[in-house]
Amino acid sequence: MPLWRQNHVAIRQLVDDFARYLYLPRLKDPAVLIAAIRDGFGLLTWQQDSFAYAESYDEVAARYRGLRVGQQVFVSEHDTGLLVRPSVARQQIDAETPPPAPAAIPGPSGLAPTASAPAQPQRRSPQRRPMPRSRSGRPGPRYYGSVALDPARVGRDASLIADEVITHLVGLIGSQRAGDAGDRSRHPRRRPDNVVRTVTENSQTLKFTSHGFEVE
């Protein structure tokens, strides 16, 4: 019988399958299977080599709740979470990731933006650009990173960086809110600690020479 149940399988169900069906590889105990599942969650190449994790599946909304990919997840043999097919997880991530803001169109001189686009803030120095600001006027977080690419594998490395770092940052553009308690009550928004953690861990795995988040 196939181990997948449609597009996902419960971790507890998978543990039960390996204990019940004799044609599956024999395991010393469930801890061996759980360790393999944890290793699969942490792979940056999860789309090709492993799977995603979800806390549950919402039948009404037809989407996975608590979907996580390419990061370490602590699970046990009694975990109620799900292993999700990588192709299905990729589809949900792409559908729920907001598109990037359109770039400003240069004017006739090739330098000034059009009237419909806001003017770019003046640079403080050649190496340091002003932080993007929220509606309240306060600057938002900025991510910086530097990594050397292998000339023989530029395409592969660039694709990994786009999937495992840039994709997570796209949803943060223009999403920050700052202000007093009254302002937050009108515009509730949780801090994206999970995105900061994911981007930081992926940058370390991809061997960035320098990386981090700055808030001015």
N, C-alpha and C. Protein backbone atom coordinates (compact mmCIF):
# COMPACT_ATOMS: atom_id res chain seq x y z
N MET A 1 0.84 -1.19 0.00
CA MET A 1 0.00 0.00 0.00
C MET A 1 0.87 1.24 0.00
N PRO A 2 0.42 2.31 -0.63
CA PRO A 2 1.22 3.55 -0.63
C PRO A 2 1.21 4.19 0.75
N LEU A 3 2.35 4.75 1.13
CA LEU A 3 2.44 5.40 2.44
C LEU A 3 1.72 6.74 2.45
N TRP A 4 1.70 7.45 1.31
CA TRP A 4 0.99 8.72 1.25
C TRP A 4 -0.51 8.48 1.25
N ARG A 5 -1.23 9.29 1.99
CA ARG A 5 -2.69 9.32 1.91
C ARG A 5 -3.06 10.60 1.16
N GLN A 6 -3.28 10.47 -0.14
CA GLN A 6 -3.50 11.61 -1.01
C GLN A 6 -2.25 12.50 -0.99
N ASN A 7 -2.35 13.72 -0.46
CA ASN A 7 -1.22 14.65 -0.52
C ASN A 7 -0.44 14.76 0.79
N HIS A 8 -0.80 13.99 1.79
CA HIS A 8 -0.09 14.05 3.06
C HIS A 8 -0.28 12.74 3.82
N VAL A 9 0.45 12.61 4.90
CA VAL A 9 0.28 11.46 5.79
C VAL A 9 0.63 11.91 7.20
N ALA A 10 -0.16 11.47 8.18
CA ALA A 10 0.10 11.82 9.57
C ALA A 10 1.34 11.09 10.07
N ILE A 11 2.11 11.76 10.91
CA ILE A 11 3.32 11.15 11.46
C ILE A 11 2.97 9.90 12.26
N ARG A 12 1.93 9.97 13.06
CA ARG A 12 1.53 8.80 13.84
C ARG A 12 1.11 7.65 12.94
N GLN A 13 0.47 7.98 11.80
CA GLN A 13 0.07 6.94 10.85
C GLN A 13 1.30 6.27 10.24
N LEU A 14 2.32 7.06 9.93
CA LEU A 14 3.53 6.52 9.33
C LEU A 14 4.26 5.60 10.31
N VAL A 15 4.31 5.99 11.58
CA VAL A 15 4.92 5.13 12.59
C VAL A 15 4.16 3.81 12.69
N ASP A 16 2.85 3.87 12.64
CA ASP A 16 2.03 2.66 12.70
C ASP A 16 2.24 1.79 11.46
N ASP A 17 2.41 2.40 10.28
CA ASP A 17 2.63 1.63 9.05
C ASP A 17 3.90 0.81 9.14
N PHE A 18 4.99 1.43 9.62
CA PHE A 18 6.26 0.71 9.69
C PHE A 18 6.22 -0.41 10.73
N ALA A 19 5.39 -0.26 11.74
CA ALA A 19 5.27 -1.31 12.74
C ALA A 19 4.34 -2.44 12.28
N ARG A 20 3.42 -2.15 11.35
CA ARG A 20 2.40 -3.12 10.96
C ARG A 20 2.78 -3.91 9.72
N TYR A 21 3.32 -3.26 8.69
CA TYR A 21 3.53 -3.93 7.40
C TYR A 21 4.96 -4.48 7.30
N LEU A 22 5.07 -5.80 7.17
CA LEU A 22 6.35 -6.48 7.23
C LEU A 22 7.21 -6.22 5.99
N TYR A 23 6.62 -5.80 4.87
CA TYR A 23 7.42 -5.58 3.68
C TYR A 23 8.17 -4.26 3.72
N LEU A 24 7.86 -3.40 4.71
CA LEU A 24 8.61 -2.14 4.87
C LEU A 24 9.92 -2.43 5.60
N PRO A 25 10.92 -1.56 5.47
CA PRO A 25 12.20 -1.78 6.17
C PRO A 25 12.00 -1.97 7.66
N ARG A 26 12.70 -2.94 8.22
CA ARG A 26 12.60 -3.20 9.65
C ARG A 26 13.39 -2.14 10.42
N LEU A 27 12.80 -1.60 11.44
CA LEU A 27 13.42 -0.56 12.25
C LEU A 27 13.64 -1.06 13.67
N LYS A 28 14.71 -0.61 14.29
CA LYS A 28 14.99 -1.00 15.67
C LYS A 28 13.89 -0.52 16.60
N ASP A 29 13.46 0.73 16.41
CA ASP A 29 12.36 1.30 17.18
C ASP A 29 11.87 2.55 16.45
N PRO A 30 10.72 3.13 16.84
CA PRO A 30 10.18 4.31 16.14
C PRO A 30 11.12 5.51 16.13
N ALA A 31 12.06 5.55 17.07
CA ALA A 31 12.98 6.70 17.13
C ALA A 31 13.82 6.81 15.85
N VAL A 32 14.11 5.69 15.21
CA VAL A 32 14.88 5.71 13.96
C VAL A 32 14.09 6.43 12.88
N LEU A 33 12.81 6.13 12.76
CA LEU A 33 11.95 6.78 11.77
C LEU A 33 11.80 8.27 12.07
N ILE A 34 11.59 8.61 13.35
CA ILE A 34 11.42 10.02 13.74
C ILE A 34 12.67 10.82 13.42
N ALA A 35 13.86 10.23 13.65
CA ALA A 35 15.11 10.93 13.35
C ALA A 35 15.23 11.19 11.85
N ALA A 36 14.81 10.22 11.03
CA ALA A 36 14.86 10.40 9.58
C ALA A 36 13.89 11.51 9.14
N ILE A 37 12.71 11.56 9.77
CA ILE A 37 11.73 12.61 9.44
C ILE A 37 12.28 13.99 9.79
N ARG A 38 12.92 14.11 10.96
CA ARG A 38 13.49 15.40 11.36
C ARG A 38 14.57 15.84 10.38
N ASP A 39 15.41 14.89 9.94
CA ASP A 39 16.45 15.23 8.97
C ASP A 39 15.82 15.72 7.66
N GLY A 40 14.73 15.08 7.25
CA GLY A 40 14.06 15.48 6.02
C GLY A 40 13.49 16.88 6.10
N PHE A 41 12.95 17.26 7.25
CA PHE A 41 12.41 18.61 7.42
C PHE A 41 13.49 19.68 7.24
N GLY A 42 14.71 19.40 7.66
CA GLY A 42 15.76 20.42 7.66
C GLY A 42 16.50 20.57 6.35
N LEU A 43 16.21 19.75 5.35
CA LEU A 43 16.92 19.84 4.08
C LEU A 43 16.53 21.09 3.30
N LEU A 44 17.53 21.82 2.81
CA LEU A 44 17.23 22.97 1.95
C LEU A 44 16.74 22.50 0.58
N THR A 45 17.07 21.28 0.23
CA THR A 45 16.60 20.71 -1.05
C THR A 45 15.33 19.90 -0.83
N TRP A 46 14.46 20.38 0.06
CA TRP A 46 13.25 19.62 0.42
C TRP A 46 12.34 19.39 -0.79
N GLN A 47 12.34 20.31 -1.76
CA GLN A 47 11.45 20.14 -2.91
C GLN A 47 11.82 18.92 -3.76
N GLN A 48 13.11 18.57 -3.78
CA GLN A 48 13.55 17.42 -4.57
C GLN A 48 13.72 16.16 -3.73
N ASP A 49 14.13 16.31 -2.46
CA ASP A 49 14.60 15.15 -1.70
C ASP A 49 13.76 14.76 -0.49
N SER A 50 12.81 15.58 -0.05
CA SER A 50 12.09 15.18 1.16
C SER A 50 10.63 15.63 1.13
N PHE A 51 10.22 16.44 2.09
CA PHE A 51 8.81 16.76 2.28
C PHE A 51 8.67 18.00 3.16
N ALA A 52 7.46 18.47 3.33
CA ALA A 52 7.18 19.62 4.19
C ALA A 52 6.45 19.16 5.44
N TYR A 53 6.28 20.07 6.39
CA TYR A 53 5.58 19.77 7.64
C TYR A 53 4.39 20.71 7.78
N ALA A 54 3.28 20.19 8.28
CA ALA A 54 2.11 21.01 8.57
C ALA A 54 1.49 20.54 9.89
N GLU A 55 0.94 21.50 10.64
CA GLU A 55 0.31 21.15 11.91
C GLU A 55 -1.01 20.42 11.69
N SER A 56 -1.75 20.82 10.65
CA SER A 56 -3.04 20.18 10.37
C SER A 56 -3.51 20.60 8.99
N TYR A 57 -4.62 19.98 8.54
CA TYR A 57 -5.19 20.33 7.24
C TYR A 57 -6.61 20.85 7.44
N ASP A 58 -6.89 22.03 6.89
CA ASP A 58 -8.21 22.65 6.99
C ASP A 58 -9.04 22.20 5.79
N GLU A 59 -9.99 21.30 6.03
CA GLU A 59 -10.80 20.77 4.93
C GLU A 59 -11.66 21.87 4.28
N VAL A 60 -12.17 22.80 5.09
CA VAL A 60 -13.05 23.84 4.56
C VAL A 60 -12.27 24.80 3.66
N ALA A 61 -11.12 25.28 4.15
CA ALA A 61 -10.31 26.23 3.38
C ALA A 61 -9.41 25.54 2.37
N ALA A 62 -9.31 24.21 2.45
CA ALA A 62 -8.46 23.43 1.54
C ALA A 62 -7.02 23.93 1.57
N ARG A 63 -6.48 24.09 2.77
CA ARG A 63 -5.09 24.54 2.93
C ARG A 63 -4.50 23.93 4.20
N TYR A 64 -3.18 23.90 4.24
CA TYR A 64 -2.48 23.37 5.40
C TYR A 64 -2.19 24.49 6.39
N ARG A 65 -2.42 24.19 7.66
CA ARG A 65 -2.13 25.15 8.73
C ARG A 65 -0.73 24.87 9.29
N GLY A 66 -0.02 25.95 9.62
CA GLY A 66 1.31 25.80 10.18
C GLY A 66 2.29 25.13 9.25
N LEU A 67 2.21 25.46 7.96
CA LEU A 67 3.08 24.85 6.96
C LEU A 67 4.50 25.38 7.11
N ARG A 68 5.47 24.46 7.17
CA ARG A 68 6.88 24.84 7.30
C ARG A 68 7.73 24.00 6.36
N VAL A 69 8.73 24.63 5.76
CA VAL A 69 9.58 23.94 4.80
C VAL A 69 11.03 24.33 5.03
N GLY A 70 11.94 23.39 4.79
CA GLY A 70 13.36 23.68 4.84
C GLY A 70 13.86 24.18 6.17
N GLN A 71 13.27 23.72 7.27
CA GLN A 71 13.73 24.15 8.59
C GLN A 71 13.52 23.03 9.59
N GLN A 72 14.30 23.07 10.67
CA GLN A 72 14.21 22.03 11.67
C GLN A 72 12.88 22.11 12.42
N VAL A 73 12.24 20.95 12.59
CA VAL A 73 10.99 20.85 13.33
C VAL A 73 11.11 19.69 14.29
N PHE A 74 10.85 19.94 15.57
CA PHE A 74 10.92 18.87 16.56
C PHE A 74 9.60 18.10 16.57
N VAL A 75 9.67 16.82 16.31
CA VAL A 75 8.49 15.97 16.31
C VAL A 75 8.79 14.71 17.10
N SER A 76 7.73 14.01 17.51
CA SER A 76 7.85 12.74 18.21
C SER A 76 6.93 11.73 17.55
N GLU A 77 7.01 10.47 18.00
CA GLU A 77 6.18 9.43 17.40
C GLU A 77 4.70 9.64 17.69
N HIS A 78 4.37 10.48 18.66
CA HIS A 78 2.98 10.77 18.98
C HIS A 78 2.53 12.13 18.44
N ASP A 79 3.35 12.72 17.58
CA ASP A 79 3.04 14.04 17.03
C ASP A 79 1.78 13.97 16.16
N THR A 80 0.96 15.01 16.25
CA THR A 80 -0.27 15.06 15.46
C THR A 80 -0.08 15.75 14.12
N GLY A 81 1.16 16.13 13.80
CA GLY A 81 1.43 16.84 12.56
C GLY A 81 1.41 15.93 11.35
N LEU A 82 1.64 16.57 10.18
CA LEU A 82 1.54 15.88 8.90
C LEU A 82 2.81 16.05 8.09
N LEU A 83 3.16 15.03 7.31
CA LEU A 83 4.14 15.15 6.25
C LEU A 83 3.38 15.50 4.98
N VAL A 84 3.83 16.52 4.27
CA VAL A 84 3.11 17.02 3.10
C VAL A 84 3.99 16.85 1.86
N ARG A 85 3.36 16.43 0.77
CA ARG A 85 4.10 16.30 -0.49
C ARG A 85 4.74 17.65 -0.84
N PRO A 86 6.01 17.66 -1.28
CA PRO A 86 6.69 18.93 -1.56
C PRO A 86 6.02 19.75 -2.65
N SER A 87 5.50 19.10 -3.69
CA SER A 87 4.86 19.85 -4.77
C SER A 87 3.60 20.57 -4.29
N VAL A 88 2.85 19.94 -3.38
CA VAL A 88 1.63 20.55 -2.85
C VAL A 88 1.99 21.71 -1.93
N ALA A 89 3.03 21.52 -1.11
CA ALA A 89 3.48 22.61 -0.22
C ALA A 89 3.96 23.81 -1.03
N ARG A 90 4.69 23.57 -2.12
CA ARG A 90 5.17 24.65 -2.98
C ARG A 90 4.01 25.44 -3.58
N GLN A 91 2.95 24.74 -3.99
CA GLN A 91 1.79 25.42 -4.57
C GLN A 91 1.13 26.35 -3.55
N GLN A 92 0.99 25.87 -2.30
CA GLN A 92 0.35 26.72 -1.29
C GLN A 92 1.23 27.93 -0.96
N ILE A 93 2.53 27.73 -0.86
CA ILE A 93 3.43 28.85 -0.55
C ILE A 93 3.37 29.91 -1.65
N ASP A 94 3.40 29.46 -2.91
CA ASP A 94 3.35 30.40 -4.02
C ASP A 94 2.01 31.15 -4.05
N ALA A 95 0.92 30.45 -3.72
CA ALA A 95 -0.40 31.08 -3.76
C ALA A 95 -0.58 32.10 -2.64
N GLU A 96 0.09 31.90 -1.50
CA GLU A 96 -0.10 32.76 -0.34
C GLU A 96 1.00 33.80 -0.17
N THR A 97 2.00 33.79 -1.04
CA THR A 97 3.07 34.79 -0.96
C THR A 97 2.68 36.01 -1.78
N PRO A 98 2.58 37.20 -1.18
CA PRO A 98 2.19 38.38 -1.95
C PRO A 98 3.24 38.73 -2.98
N PRO A 99 2.82 39.24 -4.14
CA PRO A 99 3.80 39.61 -5.18
C PRO A 99 4.63 40.81 -4.73
N PRO A 100 5.85 40.95 -5.24
CA PRO A 100 6.68 42.11 -4.88
C PRO A 100 6.09 43.40 -5.42
N ALA A 101 6.39 44.50 -4.73
CA ALA A 101 5.89 45.81 -5.17
C ALA A 101 6.51 46.17 -6.50
N PRO A 102 5.74 46.77 -7.42
CA PRO A 102 6.30 47.14 -8.73
C PRO A 102 7.38 48.20 -8.60
N ALA A 103 8.38 48.10 -9.44
CA ALA A 103 9.48 49.06 -9.42
C ALA A 103 9.04 50.39 -10.03
N ALA A 104 9.65 51.48 -9.56
CA ALA A 104 9.33 52.81 -10.09
C ALA A 104 9.79 52.92 -11.54
N ILE A 105 8.99 53.54 -12.38
CA ILE A 105 9.31 53.71 -13.80
C ILE A 105 10.11 54.99 -13.97
N PRO A 106 11.32 54.93 -14.55
CA PRO A 106 12.14 56.15 -14.71
C PRO A 106 11.49 57.14 -15.67
N GLY A 107 11.72 58.41 -15.43
CA GLY A 107 11.19 59.46 -16.29
C GLY A 107 12.01 59.63 -17.55
N PRO A 108 11.74 60.68 -18.32
CA PRO A 108 12.45 60.88 -19.60
C PRO A 108 13.95 60.97 -19.44
N SER A 109 14.43 61.50 -18.33
CA SER A 109 15.87 61.65 -18.15
C SER A 109 16.55 60.33 -17.83
N GLY A 110 15.76 59.33 -17.48
CA GLY A 110 16.33 58.04 -17.09
C GLY A 110 16.71 57.98 -15.63
N LEU A 111 16.52 59.10 -14.89
CA LEU A 111 16.90 59.13 -13.48
C LEU A 111 15.72 59.39 -12.57
N ALA A 112 14.91 60.39 -12.87
CA ALA A 112 13.82 60.78 -11.98
C ALA A 112 12.64 59.84 -12.15
N PRO A 113 11.95 59.47 -11.07
CA PRO A 113 10.77 58.63 -11.20
C PRO A 113 9.60 59.43 -11.75
N THR A 114 8.58 58.73 -12.23
CA THR A 114 7.39 59.40 -12.72
C THR A 114 6.63 60.03 -11.57
N ALA A 115 5.63 60.85 -11.92
CA ALA A 115 4.86 61.55 -10.89
C ALA A 115 4.09 60.59 -10.01
N SER A 116 3.72 59.40 -10.55
CA SER A 116 2.93 58.46 -9.78
C SER A 116 3.77 57.67 -8.79
N ALA A 117 5.09 57.70 -8.95
CA ALA A 117 5.97 56.95 -8.06
C ALA A 117 6.62 57.90 -7.07
N PRO A 118 6.71 57.54 -5.80
CA PRO A 118 7.35 58.42 -4.81
C PRO A 118 8.83 58.53 -5.08
N ALA A 119 9.38 59.71 -4.81
CA ALA A 119 10.80 59.93 -5.02
C ALA A 119 11.60 59.09 -4.04
N GLN A 120 12.75 58.59 -4.49
CA GLN A 120 13.59 57.77 -3.64
C GLN A 120 14.28 58.67 -2.61
N PRO A 121 14.39 58.21 -1.34
CA PRO A 121 15.07 59.02 -0.32
C PRO A 121 16.55 59.16 -0.63
N GLN A 122 17.12 60.27 -0.22
CA GLN A 122 18.53 60.54 -0.47
C GLN A 122 19.40 59.58 0.32
N ARG A 123 20.44 59.07 -0.31
CA ARG A 123 21.33 58.14 0.37
C ARG A 123 22.17 58.87 1.41
N ARG A 124 22.40 58.14 2.54
CA ARG A 124 23.25 58.73 3.57
C ARG A 124 24.74 58.55 3.24
N SER A 125 25.05 57.43 2.55
CA SER A 125 26.42 57.18 2.13
C SER A 125 26.36 56.21 0.98
N PRO A 126 27.42 56.04 0.20
CA PRO A 126 27.39 55.12 -0.95
C PRO A 126 27.12 53.68 -0.54
N GLN A 127 27.49 53.29 0.69
CA GLN A 127 27.33 51.91 1.10
C GLN A 127 26.06 51.67 1.91
N ARG A 128 25.34 52.69 2.32
CA ARG A 128 24.24 52.53 3.26
C ARG A 128 23.01 53.25 2.76
N ARG A 129 21.94 52.52 2.46
CA ARG A 129 20.71 53.12 1.99
C ARG A 129 19.73 53.33 3.14
N PRO A 130 18.90 54.37 3.05
CA PRO A 130 17.91 54.59 4.11
C PRO A 130 16.97 53.40 4.20
N MET A 131 16.50 53.14 5.41
CA MET A 131 15.57 52.05 5.66
C MET A 131 14.20 52.38 5.10
N PRO A 132 13.44 51.38 4.57
CA PRO A 132 12.04 51.63 4.20
C PRO A 132 11.23 51.97 5.43
N ARG A 133 10.30 52.90 5.29
CA ARG A 133 9.55 53.35 6.44
C ARG A 133 8.09 52.93 6.35
N SER A 134 7.49 52.72 7.52
CA SER A 134 6.08 52.35 7.58
C SER A 134 5.22 53.59 7.52
N ARG A 135 3.89 53.42 7.60
CA ARG A 135 2.98 54.57 7.55
C ARG A 135 3.18 55.51 8.73
N SER A 136 3.66 54.95 9.83
CA SER A 136 3.88 55.82 11.00
C SER A 136 5.14 56.64 10.86
N GLY A 137 5.96 56.38 9.82
CA GLY A 137 7.17 57.14 9.62
C GLY A 137 8.40 56.52 10.22
N ARG A 138 8.26 55.37 10.91
CA ARG A 138 9.42 54.74 11.53
C ARG A 138 10.01 53.71 10.58
N PRO A 139 11.35 53.53 10.58
CA PRO A 139 11.97 52.60 9.64
C PRO A 139 11.68 51.16 10.01
N GLY A 140 11.60 50.30 8.98
CA GLY A 140 11.36 48.90 9.21
C GLY A 140 12.66 48.11 9.18
N PRO A 141 12.60 46.79 9.39
CA PRO A 141 13.82 45.98 9.41
C PRO A 141 14.40 45.84 8.02
N ARG A 142 15.70 45.68 7.96
CA ARG A 142 16.39 45.49 6.69
C ARG A 142 17.30 44.28 6.81
N TYR A 143 17.29 43.44 5.81
CA TYR A 143 18.16 42.26 5.79
C TYR A 143 19.34 42.51 4.86
N TYR A 144 20.54 42.09 5.28
CA TYR A 144 21.70 42.18 4.42
C TYR A 144 22.39 40.81 4.41
N GLY A 145 23.02 40.47 3.31
CA GLY A 145 23.71 39.20 3.23
C GLY A 145 24.73 39.20 2.11
N SER A 146 25.79 38.44 2.30
CA SER A 146 26.85 38.33 1.30
C SER A 146 27.29 36.88 1.23
N VAL A 147 27.38 36.34 0.01
CA VAL A 147 27.77 34.94 -0.17
C VAL A 147 28.55 34.80 -1.47
N ALA A 148 29.57 33.95 -1.46
CA ALA A 148 30.36 33.67 -2.66
C ALA A 148 29.74 32.49 -3.40
N LEU A 149 29.55 32.62 -4.73
CA LEU A 149 28.96 31.57 -5.54
C LEU A 149 30.05 30.78 -6.27
N ASP A 150 29.84 29.49 -6.36
CA ASP A 150 30.74 28.61 -7.11
C ASP A 150 30.53 28.87 -8.60
N PRO A 151 31.55 29.29 -9.34
CA PRO A 151 31.36 29.58 -10.78
C PRO A 151 30.80 28.40 -11.56
N ALA A 152 31.08 27.18 -11.10
CA ALA A 152 30.59 26.00 -11.82
C ALA A 152 29.15 25.67 -11.48
N ARG A 153 28.61 26.31 -10.42
CA ARG A 153 27.24 25.98 -9.98
C ARG A 153 26.45 27.24 -9.65
N VAL A 154 26.67 28.28 -10.42
CA VAL A 154 26.00 29.55 -10.15
C VAL A 154 24.48 29.40 -10.23
N GLY A 155 24.00 28.72 -11.26
CA GLY A 155 22.55 28.57 -11.42
C GLY A 155 21.92 27.85 -10.27
N ARG A 156 22.52 26.76 -9.83
CA ARG A 156 21.96 26.01 -8.71
C ARG A 156 21.99 26.82 -7.42
N ASP A 157 23.16 27.45 -7.14
CA ASP A 157 23.29 28.22 -5.89
C ASP A 157 22.34 29.41 -5.87
N ALA A 158 22.20 30.10 -7.00
CA ALA A 158 21.30 31.26 -7.05
C ALA A 158 19.85 30.82 -6.85
N SER A 159 19.49 29.66 -7.38
CA SER A 159 18.14 29.14 -7.22
C SER A 159 17.86 28.81 -5.76
N LEU A 160 18.85 28.22 -5.07
CA LEU A 160 18.68 27.91 -3.65
C LEU A 160 18.51 29.18 -2.82
N ILE A 161 19.32 30.20 -3.13
CA ILE A 161 19.22 31.45 -2.39
C ILE A 161 17.85 32.10 -2.60
N ALA A 162 17.36 32.04 -3.84
CA ALA A 162 16.05 32.62 -4.13
C ALA A 162 14.95 31.88 -3.37
N ASP A 163 15.02 30.54 -3.32
CA ASP A 163 13.97 29.75 -2.67
C ASP A 163 14.03 29.83 -1.16
N GLU A 164 15.26 29.81 -0.60
CA GLU A 164 15.39 29.65 0.83
C GLU A 164 15.63 30.96 1.59
N VAL A 165 15.92 32.06 0.89
CA VAL A 165 16.13 33.34 1.56
C VAL A 165 15.19 34.41 1.00
N ILE A 166 15.28 34.66 -0.30
CA ILE A 166 14.54 35.78 -0.89
C ILE A 166 13.04 35.56 -0.80
N THR A 167 12.58 34.32 -1.03
CA THR A 167 11.14 34.03 -0.99
C THR A 167 10.54 34.40 0.36
N HIS A 168 11.27 34.12 1.44
CA HIS A 168 10.76 34.42 2.78
C HIS A 168 10.72 35.93 3.04
N LEU A 169 11.61 36.69 2.37
CA LEU A 169 11.67 38.13 2.60
C LEU A 169 10.63 38.89 1.81
N VAL A 170 10.16 38.32 0.71
CA VAL A 170 9.20 39.02 -0.15
C VAL A 170 7.95 39.40 0.63
N GLY A 171 7.47 38.50 1.49
CA GLY A 171 6.26 38.78 2.23
C GLY A 171 6.41 39.87 3.27
N LEU A 172 7.66 40.28 3.58
CA LEU A 172 7.88 41.32 4.59
C LEU A 172 7.87 42.72 4.00
N ILE A 173 8.02 42.82 2.68
CA ILE A 173 8.11 44.15 2.07
C ILE A 173 6.81 44.91 2.27
N GLY A 174 6.90 46.08 2.91
CA GLY A 174 5.72 46.91 3.12
C GLY A 174 4.75 46.37 4.14
N SER A 175 5.15 45.33 4.92
CA SER A 175 4.19 44.71 5.83
C SER A 175 4.38 45.14 7.28
N GLN A 176 5.41 45.94 7.55
CA GLN A 176 5.69 46.30 8.93
C GLN A 176 4.81 47.46 9.40
N ARG A 177 4.48 47.42 10.64
CA ARG A 177 3.69 48.49 11.25
C ARG A 177 4.38 48.91 12.55
N ALA A 178 4.37 50.21 12.84
CA ALA A 178 4.96 50.70 14.07
C ALA A 178 4.10 51.83 14.60
N GLY A 179 4.17 52.08 15.90
CA GLY A 179 3.39 53.16 16.46
C GLY A 179 3.04 52.86 17.91
N ASP A 180 2.17 53.70 18.49
CA ASP A 180 1.79 53.47 19.88
C ASP A 180 0.73 52.37 19.95
N ALA A 181 0.23 52.10 21.18
CA ALA A 181 -0.73 51.01 21.35
C ALA A 181 -1.99 51.26 20.54
N GLY A 182 -2.40 52.50 20.41
CA GLY A 182 -3.60 52.81 19.64
C GLY A 182 -3.43 52.49 18.17
N ASP A 183 -2.25 52.78 17.65
CA ASP A 183 -1.97 52.50 16.24
C ASP A 183 -1.97 51.00 15.99
N ARG A 184 -1.38 50.22 16.89
CA ARG A 184 -1.33 48.79 16.71
C ARG A 184 -2.72 48.17 16.78
N SER A 185 -3.56 48.74 17.55
CA SER A 185 -4.91 48.18 17.64
C SER A 185 -5.68 48.39 16.34
N ARG A 186 -5.37 49.45 15.60
CA ARG A 186 -6.03 49.67 14.32
C ARG A 186 -5.40 48.85 13.21
N HIS A 187 -4.10 48.53 13.39
CA HIS A 187 -3.40 47.75 12.37
C HIS A 187 -2.67 46.59 13.05
N PRO A 188 -3.38 45.57 13.53
CA PRO A 188 -2.70 44.47 14.24
C PRO A 188 -1.77 43.73 13.30
N ARG A 189 -0.59 43.43 13.78
CA ARG A 189 0.38 42.70 12.98
C ARG A 189 1.42 42.09 13.92
N ARG A 190 1.56 40.74 13.90
CA ARG A 190 2.57 40.10 14.72
C ARG A 190 3.94 40.23 14.07
N ARG A 191 4.97 40.33 14.91
CA ARG A 191 6.32 40.39 14.36
C ARG A 191 6.67 39.06 13.72
N PRO A 192 7.25 39.07 12.52
CA PRO A 192 7.54 37.82 11.80
C PRO A 192 8.77 37.13 12.35
N ASP A 193 8.75 36.73 13.64
CA ASP A 193 9.92 36.08 14.23
C ASP A 193 10.26 34.79 13.52
N ASN A 194 9.23 34.07 13.03
CA ASN A 194 9.51 32.82 12.35
C ASN A 194 10.26 33.05 11.04
N VAL A 195 9.95 34.16 10.34
CA VAL A 195 10.64 34.46 9.10
C VAL A 195 12.09 34.86 9.39
N VAL A 196 12.30 35.67 10.42
CA VAL A 196 13.66 36.07 10.80
C VAL A 196 14.49 34.84 11.15
N ARG A 197 13.89 33.92 11.92
CA ARG A 197 14.61 32.71 12.30
C ARG A 197 14.92 31.84 11.08
N THR A 198 13.93 31.68 10.20
CA THR A 198 14.12 30.84 9.02
C THR A 198 15.20 31.40 8.11
N VAL A 199 15.14 32.72 7.83
CA VAL A 199 16.13 33.34 6.95
C VAL A 199 17.53 33.25 7.56
N THR A 200 17.64 33.47 8.88
CA THR A 200 18.94 33.40 9.54
C THR A 200 19.54 31.99 9.45
N GLU A 201 18.71 30.97 9.74
CA GLU A 201 19.21 29.59 9.69
C GLU A 201 19.59 29.20 8.26
N ASN A 202 18.78 29.61 7.28
CA ASN A 202 19.09 29.26 5.89
C ASN A 202 20.34 29.98 5.40
N SER A 203 20.56 31.21 5.85
CA SER A 203 21.77 31.94 5.46
C SER A 203 23.01 31.24 6.01
N GLN A 204 22.92 30.73 7.25
CA GLN A 204 24.05 30.01 7.82
C GLN A 204 24.30 28.71 7.06
N THR A 205 23.22 28.00 6.71
CA THR A 205 23.37 26.74 5.99
C THR A 205 23.98 26.96 4.61
N LEU A 206 23.59 28.07 3.95
CA LEU A 206 24.12 28.39 2.62
C LEU A 206 25.50 29.04 2.68
N LYS A 207 26.07 29.15 3.90
CA LYS A 207 27.43 29.64 4.12
C LYS A 207 27.60 31.09 3.67
N PHE A 208 26.63 31.95 4.06
CA PHE A 208 26.80 33.38 3.83
C PHE A 208 28.00 33.87 4.66
N THR A 209 28.85 34.70 4.07
CA THR A 209 29.99 35.24 4.81
C THR A 209 29.55 36.29 5.82
N SER A 210 28.45 36.97 5.53
CA SER A 210 27.88 37.92 6.47
C SER A 210 26.39 38.03 6.19
N HIS A 211 25.60 38.19 7.24
CA HIS A 211 24.15 38.30 7.06
C HIS A 211 23.52 38.76 8.37
N GLY A 212 22.31 39.29 8.30
CA GLY A 212 21.61 39.70 9.50
C GLY A 212 20.50 40.68 9.19
N PHE A 213 19.76 41.05 10.25
CA PHE A 213 18.69 42.03 10.15
C PHE A 213 19.09 43.27 10.94
N GLU A 214 18.81 44.43 10.37
CA GLU A 214 19.11 45.70 11.03
C GLU A 214 17.83 46.48 11.22
N VAL A 215 17.70 47.17 12.33
CA VAL A 215 16.59 48.07 12.58
C VAL A 215 17.18 49.39 13.09
N GLU A 216 16.90 50.46 12.39
CA GLU A 216 17.42 51.77 12.79
C GLU A 216 16.45 52.47 13.74
